[in-house]
PDB file of N, CA and C in Angstrom:
ATOM      1  N   MET A   1     181.624 109.801-191.048  1.00  0.00           N
ATOM      2  CA  MET A   1     181.757 107.962-190.914  1.00  0.00           C
ATOM      3  C   MET A   1     180.575 107.642-190.551  1.00  0.00           C
ATOM      4  N   PRO A   2     180.159 106.774-191.334  1.00  0.00           N
ATOM      5  CA  PRO A   2     178.393 106.132-191.491  1.00  0.00           C
ATOM      6  C   PRO A   2     178.208 105.474-190.081  1.00  0.00           C
ATOM      7  N   LEU A   3     177.150 105.669-189.453  1.00  0.00           N
ATOM      8  CA  LEU A   3     176.509 105.039-188.745  1.00  0.00           C
ATOM      9  C   LEU A   3     176.340 103.619-188.386  1.00  0.00           C
ATOM     10  N   ARG A   4     176.711 102.574-187.945  1.00  0.00           N
ATOM     11  CA  ARG A   4     176.772 101.290-187.968  1.00  0.00           C
ATOM     12  C   ARG A   4     176.001 101.008-187.394  1.00  0.00           C
ATOM     13  N   LEU A   5     174.899 100.075-187.426  1.00  0.00           N
ATOM     14  CA  LEU A   5     173.549  99.508-186.294  1.00  0.00           C
ATOM     15  C   LEU A   5     174.050  98.133-186.233  1.00  0.00           C
ATOM     16  N   ARG A   6     174.233  97.925-185.353  1.00  0.00           N
ATOM     17  CA  ARG A   6     174.232  96.210-184.830  1.00  0.00           C
ATOM     18  C   ARG A   6     172.923  95.276-184.296  1.00  0.00           C
ATOM     19  N   LEU A   7     172.711  94.787-185.095  1.00  0.00           N
ATOM     20  CA  LEU A   7     171.589  93.816-184.609  1.00  0.00           C
ATOM     21  C   LEU A   7     171.882  92.508-184.268  1.00  0.00           C
ATOM     22  N   PRO A   8     170.828  92.082-183.064  1.00  0.00           N
ATOM     23  CA  PRO A   8     171.127  90.826-181.899  1.00  0.00           C
ATOM     24  C   PRO A   8     171.350  90.016-183.273  1.00  0.00           C
ATOM     25  N   SER A   9     172.360  88.768-182.855  1.00  0.00           N
ATOM     26  CA  SER A   9     171.948  87.376-184.258  1.00  0.00           C
ATOM     27  C   SER A   9     170.655  86.580-183.900  1.00  0.00           C
ATOM     28  N   THR A  10     170.494  85.728-184.583  1.00  0.00           N
ATOM     29  CA  THR A  10     169.209  85.176-184.525  1.00  0.00           C
ATOM     30  C   THR A  10     168.936  84.488-183.000  1.00  0.00           C
ATOM     31  N   ARG A  11     170.336  84.018-182.983  1.00  0.00           N
ATOM     32  CA  ARG A  11     170.929  82.820-181.842  1.00  0.00           C
ATOM     33  C   ARG A  11     170.607  83.123-180.810  1.00  0.00           C
ATOM     34  N   SER A  12     170.867  84.669-180.218  1.00  0.00           N
ATOM     35  CA  SER A  12     170.400  85.502-179.076  1.00  0.00           C
ATOM     36  C   SER A  12     169.175  85.736-179.112  1.00  0.00           C
ATOM     37  N   LEU A  13     168.101  85.648-179.666  1.00  0.00           N
ATOM     38  CA  LEU A  13     167.118  86.410-179.656  1.00  0.00           C
ATOM     39  C   LEU A  13     166.398  85.158-179.275  1.00  0.00           C
ATOM     40  N   HIS A  14     166.691  83.696-179.279  1.00  0.00           N
ATOM     41  CA  HIS A  14     166.135  82.537-178.761  1.00  0.00           C
ATOM     42  C   HIS A  14     166.285  82.577-177.528  1.00  0.00           C
ATOM     43  N   LEU A  15     167.537  83.057-177.195  1.00  0.00           N
ATOM     44  CA  LEU A  15     168.058  82.564-175.643  1.00  0.00           C
ATOM     45  C   LEU A  15     167.510  83.324-174.568  1.00  0.00           C
ATOM     46  N   ARG A  16     166.859  84.489-175.134  1.00  0.00           N
ATOM     47  CA  ARG A  16     166.526  85.844-174.339  1.00  0.00           C
ATOM     48  C   ARG A  16     164.556  85.301-173.821  1.00  0.00           C
ATOM     49  N   ALA A  17     164.568  85.660-172.187  1.00  0.00           N
ATOM     50  CA  ALA A  17     163.441  85.011-172.119  1.00  0.00           C
ATOM     51  C   ALA A  17     162.325  86.158-172.432  1.00  0.00           C
ATOM     52  N   PRO A  18     160.893  85.627-172.444  1.00  0.00           N
ATOM     53  CA  PRO A  18     159.978  86.506-172.726  1.00  0.00           C
ATOM     54  C   PRO A  18     159.463  87.398-171.852  1.00  0.00           C
ATOM     55  N   LEU A  19     159.229  88.677-172.335  1.00  0.00           N
ATOM     56  CA  LEU A  19     158.983  89.878-171.663  1.00  0.00           C
ATOM     57  C   LEU A  19     157.946  89.303-170.750  1.00  0.00           C
ATOM     58  N   PRO A  20     158.073  89.959-169.545  1.00  0.00           N
ATOM     59  CA  PRO A  20     156.711  89.718-168.874  1.00  0.00           C
ATOM     60  C   PRO A  20     155.528  90.610-169.314  1.00  0.00           C
ATOM     61  N   LYS A  21     154.339  89.964-168.860  1.00  0.00           N
ATOM     62  CA  LYS A  21     152.929  91.108-169.516  1.00  0.00           C
ATOM     63  C   LYS A  21     152.708  91.757-168.385  1.00  0.00           C
ATOM     64  N   PRO A  22     152.598  92.559-168.858  1.00  0.00           N
ATOM     65  CA  PRO A  22     151.874  93.911-168.149  1.00  0.00           C
ATOM     66  C   PRO A  22     150.585  93.734-167.551  1.00  0.00           C
ATOM     67  N   THR A  23     150.453  93.682-165.786  1.00  0.00           N
ATOM     68  CA  THR A  23     150.078  93.223-164.998  1.00  0.00           C
ATOM     69  C   THR A  23     148.527  94.126-164.652  1.00  0.00           C
ATOM     70  N   THR A  24     147.409  93.697-164.938  1.00  0.00           N
ATOM     71  CA  THR A  24     146.478  94.599-164.240  1.00  0.00           C
ATOM     72  C   THR A  24     145.650  93.805-162.850  1.00  0.00           C
ATOM     73  N   LEU A  25     145.201  95.115-162.170  1.00  0.00           N
ATOM     74  CA  LEU A  25     144.769  94.559-161.095  1.00  0.00           C
ATOM     75  C   LEU A  25     144.284  93.476-160.935  1.00  0.00           C
ATOM     76  N   ALA A  26     143.053  92.907-162.359  1.00  0.00           N
ATOM     77  CA  ALA A  26     142.735  91.657-161.889  1.00  0.00           C
ATOM     78  C   ALA A  26     143.502  90.581-162.604  1.00  0.00           C
ATOM     79  N   SER A  27     144.468  91.028-162.994  1.00  0.00           N
ATOM     80  CA  SER A  27     145.686  89.434-163.291  1.00  0.00           C
ATOM     81  C   SER A  27     146.437  89.244-162.403  1.00  0.00           C
ATOM     82  N   THR A  28     146.687  89.617-161.173  1.00  0.00           N
ATOM     83  CA  THR A  28     147.582  89.815-160.307  1.00  0.00           C
ATOM     84  C   THR A  28     147.802  88.560-159.635  1.00  0.00           C
ATOM     85  N   HIS A  29     148.638  88.064-159.198  1.00  0.00           N
ATOM     86  CA  HIS A  29     149.329  86.600-158.554  1.00  0.00           C
ATOM     87  C   HIS A  29     148.663  86.696-156.973  1.00  0.00           C
ATOM     88  N   HIS A  30     147.960  85.545-156.796  1.00  0.00           N
ATOM     89  CA  HIS A  30     148.071  85.627-155.567  1.00  0.00           C
ATOM     90  C   HIS A  30     148.946  84.623-154.604  1.00  0.00           C
ATOM     91  N   HIS A  31     149.939  85.016-153.779  1.00  0.00           N
ATOM     92  CA  HIS A  31     150.791  84.322-152.967  1.00  0.00           C
ATOM     93  C   HIS A  31     150.225  83.688-151.684  1.00  0.00           C
ATOM     94  N   HIS A  32     149.895  82.276-151.663  1.00  0.00           N
ATOM     95  CA  HIS A  32     148.994  81.426-150.310  1.00  0.00           C
ATOM     96  C   HIS A  32     150.233  81.045-149.401  1.00  0.00           C
ATOM     97  N   ARG A  33     149.954  81.566-148.172  1.00  0.00           N
ATOM     98  CA  ARG A  33     150.804  80.929-147.051  1.00  0.00           C
ATOM     99  C   ARG A  33     150.909  79.686-146.489  1.00  0.00           C
ATOM    100  N   ALA A  34     151.050  79.049-145.792  1.00  0.00           N
ATOM    101  CA  ALA A  34     150.383  78.095-145.197  1.00  0.00           C
ATOM    102  C   ALA A  34     150.332  78.720-143.606  1.00  0.00           C
ATOM    103  N   LEU A  35     149.276  78.166-143.073  1.00  0.00           N
ATOM    104  CA  LEU A  35     148.519  78.527-141.960  1.00  0.00           C
ATOM    105  C   LEU A  35     148.699  77.259-140.684  1.00  0.00           C
ATOM    106  N   THR A  36     149.387  77.813-139.816  1.00  0.00           N
ATOM    107  CA  THR A  36     149.528  76.938-138.880  1.00  0.00           C
ATOM    108  C   THR A  36     148.939  77.204-137.543  1.00  0.00           C
ATOM    109  N   THR A  37     147.947  76.340-136.834  1.00  0.00           N
ATOM    110  CA  THR A  37     147.388  76.692-135.813  1.00  0.00           C
ATOM    111  C   THR A  37     148.004  75.705-134.708  1.00  0.00           C
ATOM    112  N   SER A  38     147.702  75.914-133.602  1.00  0.00           N
ATOM    113  CA  SER A  38     148.523  75.092-132.113  1.00  0.00           C
ATOM    114  C   SER A  38     146.890  74.947-131.393  1.00  0.00           C
ATOM    115  N   PRO A  39     146.482  73.663-131.435  1.00  0.00           N
ATOM    116  CA  PRO A  39     145.169  73.668-130.678  1.00  0.00           C
ATOM    117  C   PRO A  39     145.377  74.252-129.570  1.00  0.00           C
ATOM    118  N   ARG A  40     144.413  74.597-128.374  1.00  0.00           N
ATOM    119  CA  ARG A  40     144.544  75.311-127.545  1.00  0.00           C
ATOM    120  C   ARG A  40     143.098  75.034-126.616  1.00  0.00           C
ATOM    121  N   ARG A  41     143.440  74.911-125.157  1.00  0.00           N
ATOM    122  CA  ARG A  41     142.439  74.906-124.657  1.00  0.00           C
ATOM    123  C   ARG A  41     141.407  75.592-123.886  1.00  0.00           C
ATOM    124  N   ALA A  42     140.409  76.668-124.841  1.00  0.00           N
ATOM    125  CA  ALA A  42     139.809  77.634-124.288  1.00  0.00           C
ATOM    126  C   ALA A  42     138.664  77.351-123.187  1.00  0.00           C
ATOM    127  N   LEU A  43     138.376  75.710-122.879  1.00  0.00           N
ATOM    128  CA  LEU A  43     137.438  75.928-121.943  1.00  0.00           C
ATOM    129  C   LEU A  43     137.795  75.374-120.290  1.00  0.00           C
ATOM    130  N   LYS A  44     137.488  75.799-119.715  1.00  0.00           N
ATOM    131  CA  LYS A  44     137.991  75.415-118.336  1.00  0.00           C
ATOM    132  C   LYS A  44     137.514  73.675-118.284  1.00  0.00           C
ATOM    133  N   GLU A  45     136.394  73.591-119.076  1.00  0.00           N
ATOM    134  CA  GLU A  45     135.840  72.194-118.726  1.00  0.00           C
ATOM    135  C   GLU A  45     136.801  71.278-119.431  1.00  0.00           C
ATOM    136  N   ASP A  46     137.922  71.793-120.373  1.00  0.00           N
ATOM    137  CA  ASP A  46     139.006  70.729-120.359  1.00  0.00           C
ATOM    138  C   ASP A  46     139.854  70.501-119.826  1.00  0.00           C
ATOM    139  N   ALA A  47     139.916  71.235-118.368  1.00  0.00           N
ATOM    140  CA  ALA A  47     140.848  70.529-117.219  1.00  0.00           C
ATOM    141  C   ALA A  47     140.879  69.253-117.018  1.00  0.00           C
ATOM    142  N   ASN A  48     141.554  69.049-116.146  1.00  0.00           N
ATOM    143  CA  ASN A  48     141.691  67.432-115.695  1.00  0.00           C
ATOM    144  C   ASN A  48     140.794  66.989-114.671  1.00  0.00           C
ATOM    145  N   ARG A  49     139.604  67.137-115.328  1.00  0.00           N
ATOM    146  CA  ARG A  49     138.234  66.817-114.671  1.00  0.00           C
ATOM    147  C   ARG A  49     137.661  65.342-114.938  1.00  0.00           C
ATOM    148  N   THR A  50     137.123  64.535-113.796  1.00  0.00           N
ATOM    149  CA  THR A  50     136.449  63.786-114.206  1.00  0.00           C
ATOM    150  C   THR A  50     134.782  64.159-115.098  1.00  0.00           C
ATOM    151  N   PRO A  51     133.903  63.672-115.786  1.00  0.00           N
ATOM    152  CA  PRO A  51     132.943  63.922-115.968  1.00  0.00           C
ATOM    153  C   PRO A  51     132.238  63.937-114.459  1.00  0.00           C
ATOM    154  N   ASP A  52     132.493  63.047-113.781  1.00  0.00           N
ATOM    155  CA  ASP A  52     131.610  62.821-112.461  1.00  0.00           C
ATOM    156  C   ASP A  52     132.184  64.053-111.596  1.00  0.00           C
ATOM    157  N   GLN A  53     133.179  64.706-111.604  1.00  0.00           N
ATOM    158  CA  GLN A  53     133.968  65.658-110.847  1.00  0.00           C
ATOM    159  C   GLN A  53     132.543  67.097-111.550  1.00  0.00           C
ATOM    160  N   LEU A  54     132.870  66.611-112.293  1.00  0.00           N
ATOM    161  CA  LEU A  54     132.026  68.160-113.421  1.00  0.00           C
ATOM    162  C   LEU A  54     130.376  68.094-113.051  1.00  0.00           C
ATOM    163  N   GLU A  55     129.547  66.767-112.917  1.00  0.00           N
ATOM    164  CA  GLU A  55     128.240  66.865-112.616  1.00  0.00           C
ATOM    165  C   GLU A  55     128.170  66.976-110.894  1.00  0.00           C
ATOM    166  N   GLN A  56     128.983  66.306-110.264  1.00  0.00           N
ATOM    167  CA  GLN A  56     128.801  67.008-108.812  1.00  0.00           C
ATOM    168  C   GLN A  56     128.719  68.500-108.683  1.00  0.00           C
ATOM    169  N   LYS A  57     129.800  69.200-109.170  1.00  0.00           N
ATOM    170  CA  LYS A  57     129.698  70.863-109.514  1.00  0.00           C
ATOM    171  C   LYS A  57     128.448  71.541-109.759  1.00  0.00           C
ATOM    172  N   LYS A  58     128.214  70.659-111.038  1.00  0.00           N
ATOM    173  CA  LYS A  58     126.748  71.177-111.499  1.00  0.00           C
ATOM    174  C   LYS A  58     125.513  70.833-110.885  1.00  0.00           C
ATOM    175  N   GLN A  59     125.342  69.822-109.757  1.00  0.00           N
ATOM    176  CA  GLN A  59     124.502  69.369-109.272  1.00  0.00           C
ATOM    177  C   GLN A  59     124.554  70.595-107.607  1.00  0.00           C
ATOM    178  N   GLU A  60     125.834  70.891-107.376  1.00  0.00           N
ATOM    179  CA  GLU A  60     126.200  71.961-105.803  1.00  0.00           C
ATOM    180  C   GLU A  60     125.360  72.988-106.666  1.00  0.00           C
ATOM    181  N   GLN A  61     126.031  73.269-107.841  1.00  0.00           N
ATOM    182  CA  GLN A  61     125.432  74.681-107.978  1.00  0.00           C
ATOM    183  C   GLN A  61     123.879  74.738-108.225  1.00  0.00           C
ATOM    184  N   LEU A  62     122.912  73.784-108.878  1.00  0.00           N
ATOM    185  CA  LEU A  62     121.858  73.709-109.115  1.00  0.00           C
ATOM    186  C   LEU A  62     121.025  73.771-107.547  1.00  0.00           C
ATOM    187  N   ASP A  63     121.514  72.868-106.434  1.00  0.00           N
ATOM    188  CA  ASP A  63     121.053  73.010-105.295  1.00  0.00           C
ATOM    189  C   ASP A  63     121.350  74.106-104.615  1.00  0.00           C
ATOM    190  N   LYS A  64     122.189  75.039-104.750  1.00  0.00           N
ATOM    191  CA  LYS A  64     122.023  76.146-104.144  1.00  0.00           C
ATOM    192  C   LYS A  64     121.442  77.308-104.745  1.00  0.00           C
ATOM    193  N   GLN A  65     121.135  77.404-105.971  1.00  0.00           N
ATOM    194  CA  GLN A  65     120.034  78.112-106.565  1.00  0.00           C
ATOM    195  C   GLN A  65     118.538  77.925-106.012  1.00  0.00           C
ATOM    196  N   LYS A  66     117.946  76.633-106.097  1.00  0.00           N
ATOM    197  CA  LYS A  66     117.259  76.073-105.556  1.00  0.00           C
ATOM    198  C   LYS A  66     116.908  76.854-104.167  1.00  0.00           C
ATOM    199  N   ARG A  67     118.022  77.077-103.422  1.00  0.00           N
ATOM    200  CA  ARG A  67     117.911  77.742-101.987  1.00  0.00           C
ATOM    201  C   ARG A  67     118.146  78.872-102.095  1.00  0.00           C
ATOM    202  N   GLY A  68     118.165  79.714-103.348  1.00  0.00           N
ATOM    203  CA  GLY A  68     118.736  81.307-103.177  1.00  0.00           C
ATOM    204  C   GLY A  68     119.728  81.425-102.962  1.00  0.00           C
ATOM    205  N   GLU A  69     120.892  80.382-102.576  1.00  0.00           N
ATOM    206  CA  GLU A  69     122.285  80.832-102.638  1.00  0.00           C
ATOM    207  C   GLU A  69     123.173  80.885-103.574  1.00  0.00           C
ATOM    208  N   GLY A  70     122.674  80.615-104.965  1.00  0.00           N
ATOM    209  CA  GLY A  70     123.272  80.525-106.073  1.00  0.00           C
ATOM    210  C   GLY A  70     124.401  81.553-106.428  1.00  0.00           C
ATOM    211  N   HIS A  71     125.850  80.782-107.146  1.00  0.00           N
ATOM    212  CA  HIS A  71     126.478  82.064-107.359  1.00  0.00           C
ATOM    213  C   HIS A  71     127.088  81.545-108.637  1.00  0.00           C
ATOM    214  N   TRP A  72     127.752  82.270-109.209  1.00  0.00           N
ATOM    215  CA  TRP A  72     128.494  81.526-110.577  1.00  0.00           C
ATOM    216  C   TRP A  72     129.700  81.143-109.968  1.00  0.00           C
ATOM    217  N   HIS A  73     130.141  79.549-110.491  1.00  0.00           N
ATOM    218  CA  HIS A  73     131.482  78.988-110.590  1.00  0.00           C
ATOM    219  C   HIS A  73     132.412  79.313-111.736  1.00  0.00           C
ATOM    220  N   GLU A  74     133.669  80.095-111.075  1.00  0.00           N
ATOM    221  CA  GLU A  74     134.406  80.218-112.097  1.00  0.00           C
ATOM    222  C   GLU A  74     134.990  78.703-112.911  1.00  0.00           C
ATOM    223  N   GLU A  75     135.353  77.843-111.666  1.00  0.00           N
ATOM    224  CA  GLU A  75     135.862  76.511-112.710  1.00  0.00           C
ATOM    225  C   GLU A  75     134.943  75.792-113.551  1.00  0.00           C
ATOM    226  N   LEU A  76     133.701  76.048-113.569  1.00  0.00           N
ATOM    227  CA  LEU A  76     132.563  75.678-114.440  1.00  0.00           C
ATOM    228  C   LEU A  76     132.237  76.392-115.851  1.00  0.00           C
ATOM    229  N   GLY A  77     133.189  77.612-115.985  1.00  0.00           N
ATOM    230  CA  GLY A  77     132.863  78.462-116.708  1.00  0.00           C
ATOM    231  C   GLY A  77     133.949  78.397-117.820  1.00  0.00           C
ATOM    232  N   SER A  78     133.881  78.720-118.775  1.00  0.00           N
ATOM    233  CA  SER A  78     134.876  79.025-120.043  1.00  0.00           C
ATOM    234  C   SER A  78     136.001  79.776-119.745  1.00  0.00           C
ATOM    235  N   SER A  79     136.813  80.304-120.323  1.00  0.00           N
ATOM    236  CA  SER A  79     137.833  81.403-120.186  1.00  0.00           C
ATOM    237  C   SER A  79     137.251  82.521-120.190  1.00  0.00           C
ATOM    238  N   SER A  80     136.642  82.648-121.263  1.00  0.00           N
ATOM    239  CA  SER A  80     135.673  84.342-121.994  1.00  0.00           C
ATOM    240  C   SER A  80     134.740  84.409-120.825  1.00  0.00           C
ATOM    241  N   GLU A  81     134.148  83.647-120.454  1.00  0.00           N
ATOM    242  CA  GLU A  81     133.294  84.123-118.928  1.00  0.00           C
ATOM    243  C   GLU A  81     133.941  84.802-118.023  1.00  0.00           C
ATOM    244  N   GLY A  82     135.571  84.285-117.461  1.00  0.00           N
ATOM    245  CA  GLY A  82     136.212  83.936-116.627  1.00  0.00           C
ATOM    246  C   GLY A  82     136.767  85.654-117.035  1.00  0.00           C
ATOM    247  N   ASN A  83     137.040  85.767-118.172  1.00  0.00           N
ATOM    248  CA  ASN A  83     137.825  87.411-118.408  1.00  0.00           C
ATOM    249  C   ASN A  83     136.711  88.318-118.080  1.00  0.00           C
ATOM    250  N   VAL A  84     135.307  88.329-118.795  1.00  0.00           N
ATOM    251  CA  VAL A  84     134.383  89.067-118.353  1.00  0.00           C
ATOM    252  C   VAL A  84     134.492  89.566-117.095  1.00  0.00           C
ATOM    253  N   ALA A  85     134.057  88.580-116.371  1.00  0.00           N
ATOM    254  CA  ALA A  85     133.794  88.590-114.451  1.00  0.00           C
ATOM    255  C   ALA A  85     134.841  89.250-114.323  1.00  0.00           C
ATOM    256  N   ALA A  86     136.635  88.855-114.676  1.00  0.00           N
ATOM    257  CA  ALA A  86     137.464  89.509-114.055  1.00  0.00           C
ATOM    258  C   ALA A  86     136.942  91.344-114.697  1.00  0.00           C
ATOM    259  N   ASP A  87     136.963  91.518-115.626  1.00  0.00           N
ATOM    260  CA  ASP A  87     136.474  92.870-116.156  1.00  0.00           C
ATOM    261  C   ASP A  87     135.621  93.421-115.344  1.00  0.00           C
ATOM    262  N   ARG A  88     134.426  92.796-115.301  1.00  0.00           N
ATOM    263  CA  ARG A  88     133.717  93.402-114.399  1.00  0.00           C
ATOM    264  C   ARG A  88     134.014  93.815-112.678  1.00  0.00           C
ATOM    265  N   GLN A  89     134.654  92.986-111.992  1.00  0.00           N
ATOM    266  CA  GLN A  89     134.663  92.957-110.770  1.00  0.00           C
ATOM    267  C   GLN A  89     135.471  94.043-110.297  1.00  0.00           C
ATOM    268  N   GLU A  90     134.855  94.577-109.205  1.00  0.00           N
ATOM    269  CA  GLU A  90     134.850  95.938-108.409  1.00  0.00           C
ATOM    270  C   GLU A  90     135.992  96.144-107.438  1.00  0.00           C
ATOM    271  N   VAL A  91     137.381  96.704-107.426  1.00  0.00           N
ATOM    272  CA  VAL A  91     138.150  96.236-106.349  1.00  0.00           C
ATOM    273  C   VAL A  91     137.676  97.105-104.864  1.00  0.00           C
ATOM    274  N   LYS A  92     137.072  96.135-104.057  1.00  0.00           N
ATOM    275  CA  LYS A  92     136.629  96.428-102.834  1.00  0.00           C
ATOM    276  C   LYS A  92     137.749  97.545-101.722  1.00  0.00           C
ATOM    277  N   GLY A  93     137.303  98.907-101.401  1.00  0.00           N
ATOM    278  CA  GLY A  93     138.367  99.615-100.665  1.00  0.00           C
ATOM    279  C   GLY A  93     138.995  99.996-101.271  1.00  0.00           C
ATOM    280  N   GLY A  94     138.812  99.792-102.614  1.00  0.00           N
ATOM    281  CA  GLY A  94     139.510 100.720-103.627  1.00  0.00           C
ATOM    282  C   GLY A  94     141.178 100.683-103.824  1.00  0.00           C
ATOM    283  N   ASP A  95     141.958  99.584-103.331  1.00  0.00           N
ATOM    284  CA  ASP A  95     143.410  99.580-103.063  1.00  0.00           C
ATOM    285  C   ASP A  95     143.645  98.450-104.058  1.00  0.00           C
ATOM    286  N   HIS A  96     143.865  99.252-105.514  1.00  0.00           N
ATOM    287  CA  HIS A  96     143.973  98.455-106.916  1.00  0.00           C
ATOM    288  C   HIS A  96     145.176  97.590-106.269  1.00  0.00           C
ATOM    289  N   GLU A  97     146.366  98.411-105.732  1.00  0.00           N
ATOM    290  CA  GLU A  97     147.718  97.468-105.895  1.00  0.00           C
ATOM    291  C   GLU A  97     147.659  96.164-104.895  1.00  0.00           C
ATOM    292  N   GLU A  98     146.603  96.763-103.700  1.00  0.00           N
ATOM    293  CA  GLU A  98     146.537  95.587-102.596  1.00  0.00           C
ATOM    294  C   GLU A  98     145.801  94.385-103.395  1.00  0.00           C
ATOM    295  N   HIS A  99     145.316  94.747-104.363  1.00  0.00           N
ATOM    296  CA  HIS A  99     144.274  94.116-105.209  1.00  0.00           C
ATOM    297  C   HIS A  99     144.710  92.599-106.207  1.00  0.00           C
ATOM    298  N   ILE A 100     145.815  93.694-106.966  1.00  0.00           N
ATOM    299  CA  ILE A 100     146.572  92.901-107.796  1.00  0.00           C
ATOM    300  C   ILE A 100     147.540  92.269-107.068  1.00  0.00           C
ATOM    301  N   GLY A 101     147.983  92.323-106.051  1.00  0.00           N
ATOM    302  CA  GLY A 101     148.648  91.670-105.355  1.00  0.00           C
ATOM    303  C   GLY A 101     148.376  90.313-104.820  1.00  0.00           C
ATOM    304  N   LYS A 102     147.404  90.469-104.233  1.00  0.00           N
ATOM    305  CA  LYS A 102     146.294  89.515-103.913  1.00  0.00           C
ATOM    306  C   LYS A 102     146.215  88.365-104.920  1.00  0.00           C
ATOM    307  N   LEU A 103     145.649  89.143-106.347  1.00  0.00           N
ATOM    308  CA  LEU A 103     145.747  87.863-107.361  1.00  0.00           C
ATOM    309  C   LEU A 103     146.789  87.417-108.127  1.00  0.00           C
ATOM    310  N   GLN A 104     147.933  88.037-107.560  1.00  0.00           N
ATOM    311  CA  GLN A 104     149.058  87.510-108.010  1.00  0.00           C
ATOM    312  C   GLN A 104     149.720  86.529-107.264  1.00  0.00           C
ATOM    313  N   GLU A 105     148.875  86.733-106.058  1.00  0.00           N
ATOM    314  CA  GLU A 105     149.906  85.256-104.893  1.00  0.00           C
ATOM    315  C   GLU A 105     148.727  84.301-104.974  1.00  0.00           C
ATOM    316  N   GLU A 106     147.179  84.617-105.382  1.00  0.00           N
ATOM    317  CA  GLU A 106     146.623  83.233-105.661  1.00  0.00           C
ATOM    318  C   GLU A 106     146.828  82.638-107.243  1.00  0.00           C
ATOM    319  N   THR A 107     147.173  83.141-108.233  1.00  0.00           N
ATOM    320  CA  THR A 107     147.751  82.726-109.003  1.00  0.00           C
ATOM    321  C   THR A 107     149.080  81.901-109.487  1.00  0.00           C
ATOM    322  N   LYS A 108     150.212  82.317-108.148  1.00  0.00           N
ATOM    323  CA  LYS A 108     151.235  81.839-108.023  1.00  0.00           C
ATOM    324  C   LYS A 108     150.962  80.323-107.139  1.00  0.00           C
ATOM    325  N   ARG A 109     150.258  80.626-106.584  1.00  0.00           N
ATOM    326  CA  ARG A 109     149.767  78.979-105.543  1.00  0.00           C
ATOM    327  C   ARG A 109     149.074  78.535-106.466  1.00  0.00           C
ATOM    328  N   LYS A 110     147.907  78.641-107.102  1.00  0.00           N
ATOM    329  CA  LYS A 110     147.351  77.693-108.190  1.00  0.00           C
ATOM    330  C   LYS A 110     148.314  76.873-109.283  1.00  0.00           C
ATOM    331  N   GLY A 111     149.786  78.011-109.722  1.00  0.00           N
ATOM    332  CA  GLY A 111     150.525  77.368-110.391  1.00  0.00           C
ATOM    333  C   GLY A 111     151.163  76.737-109.418  1.00  0.00           C
ATOM    334  N   GLU A 112     151.560  76.677-108.600  1.00  0.00           N
ATOM    335  CA  GLU A 112     152.276  75.183-107.822  1.00  0.00           C
ATOM    336  C   GLU A 112     151.713  74.287-107.277  1.00  0.00           C
ATOM    337  N   GLU A 113     150.531  74.309-107.305  1.00  0.00           N
ATOM    338  CA  GLU A 113     149.515  73.283-106.867  1.00  0.00           C
ATOM    339  C   GLU A 113     149.294  72.708-108.357  1.00  0.00           C
ATOM    340  N   GLY A 114     149.572  72.977-109.545  1.00  0.00           N
ATOM    341  CA  GLY A 114     149.373  72.295-110.482  1.00  0.00           C
ATOM    342  C   GLY A 114     147.619  72.968-111.342  1.00  0.00           C
ATOM    343  N   GLU A 115     147.633  73.769-110.268  1.00  0.00           N
ATOM    344  CA  GLU A 115     145.720  73.758-111.033  1.00  0.00           C
ATOM    345  C   GLU A 115     145.777  74.654-112.641  1.00  0.00           C
ATOM    346  N   ILE A 116     146.550  75.383-112.889  1.00  0.00           N
ATOM    347  CA  ILE A 116     146.666  76.270-113.929  1.00  0.00           C
ATOM    348  C   ILE A 116     147.859  75.762-114.581  1.00  0.00           C
TER     349      ILE A 116
END
């Protein structure tokens, strides 16, 4: 029995999608995603304080520095400055659990009073 070869009709050839071109590293497609960000308040200076209140704290700090009593005011510093100060803070007495408990209570109190 002779072997019959069936070729596609001309019509079916036109309906087929073209074969994709081989991709190389240089011709890959880049897919872009939409990037959305939420604004966040990074500095504590952005809290609900008037410029007069900030200036008053600043002047108090400068007066203390002139008298040799100056120290860092956390409420005037940025969040990152507060994080660094917390990382460097040593626990007095060595009781870490007690220290953490005090910090948690202070945070709870400030949250209830609307300070944070």
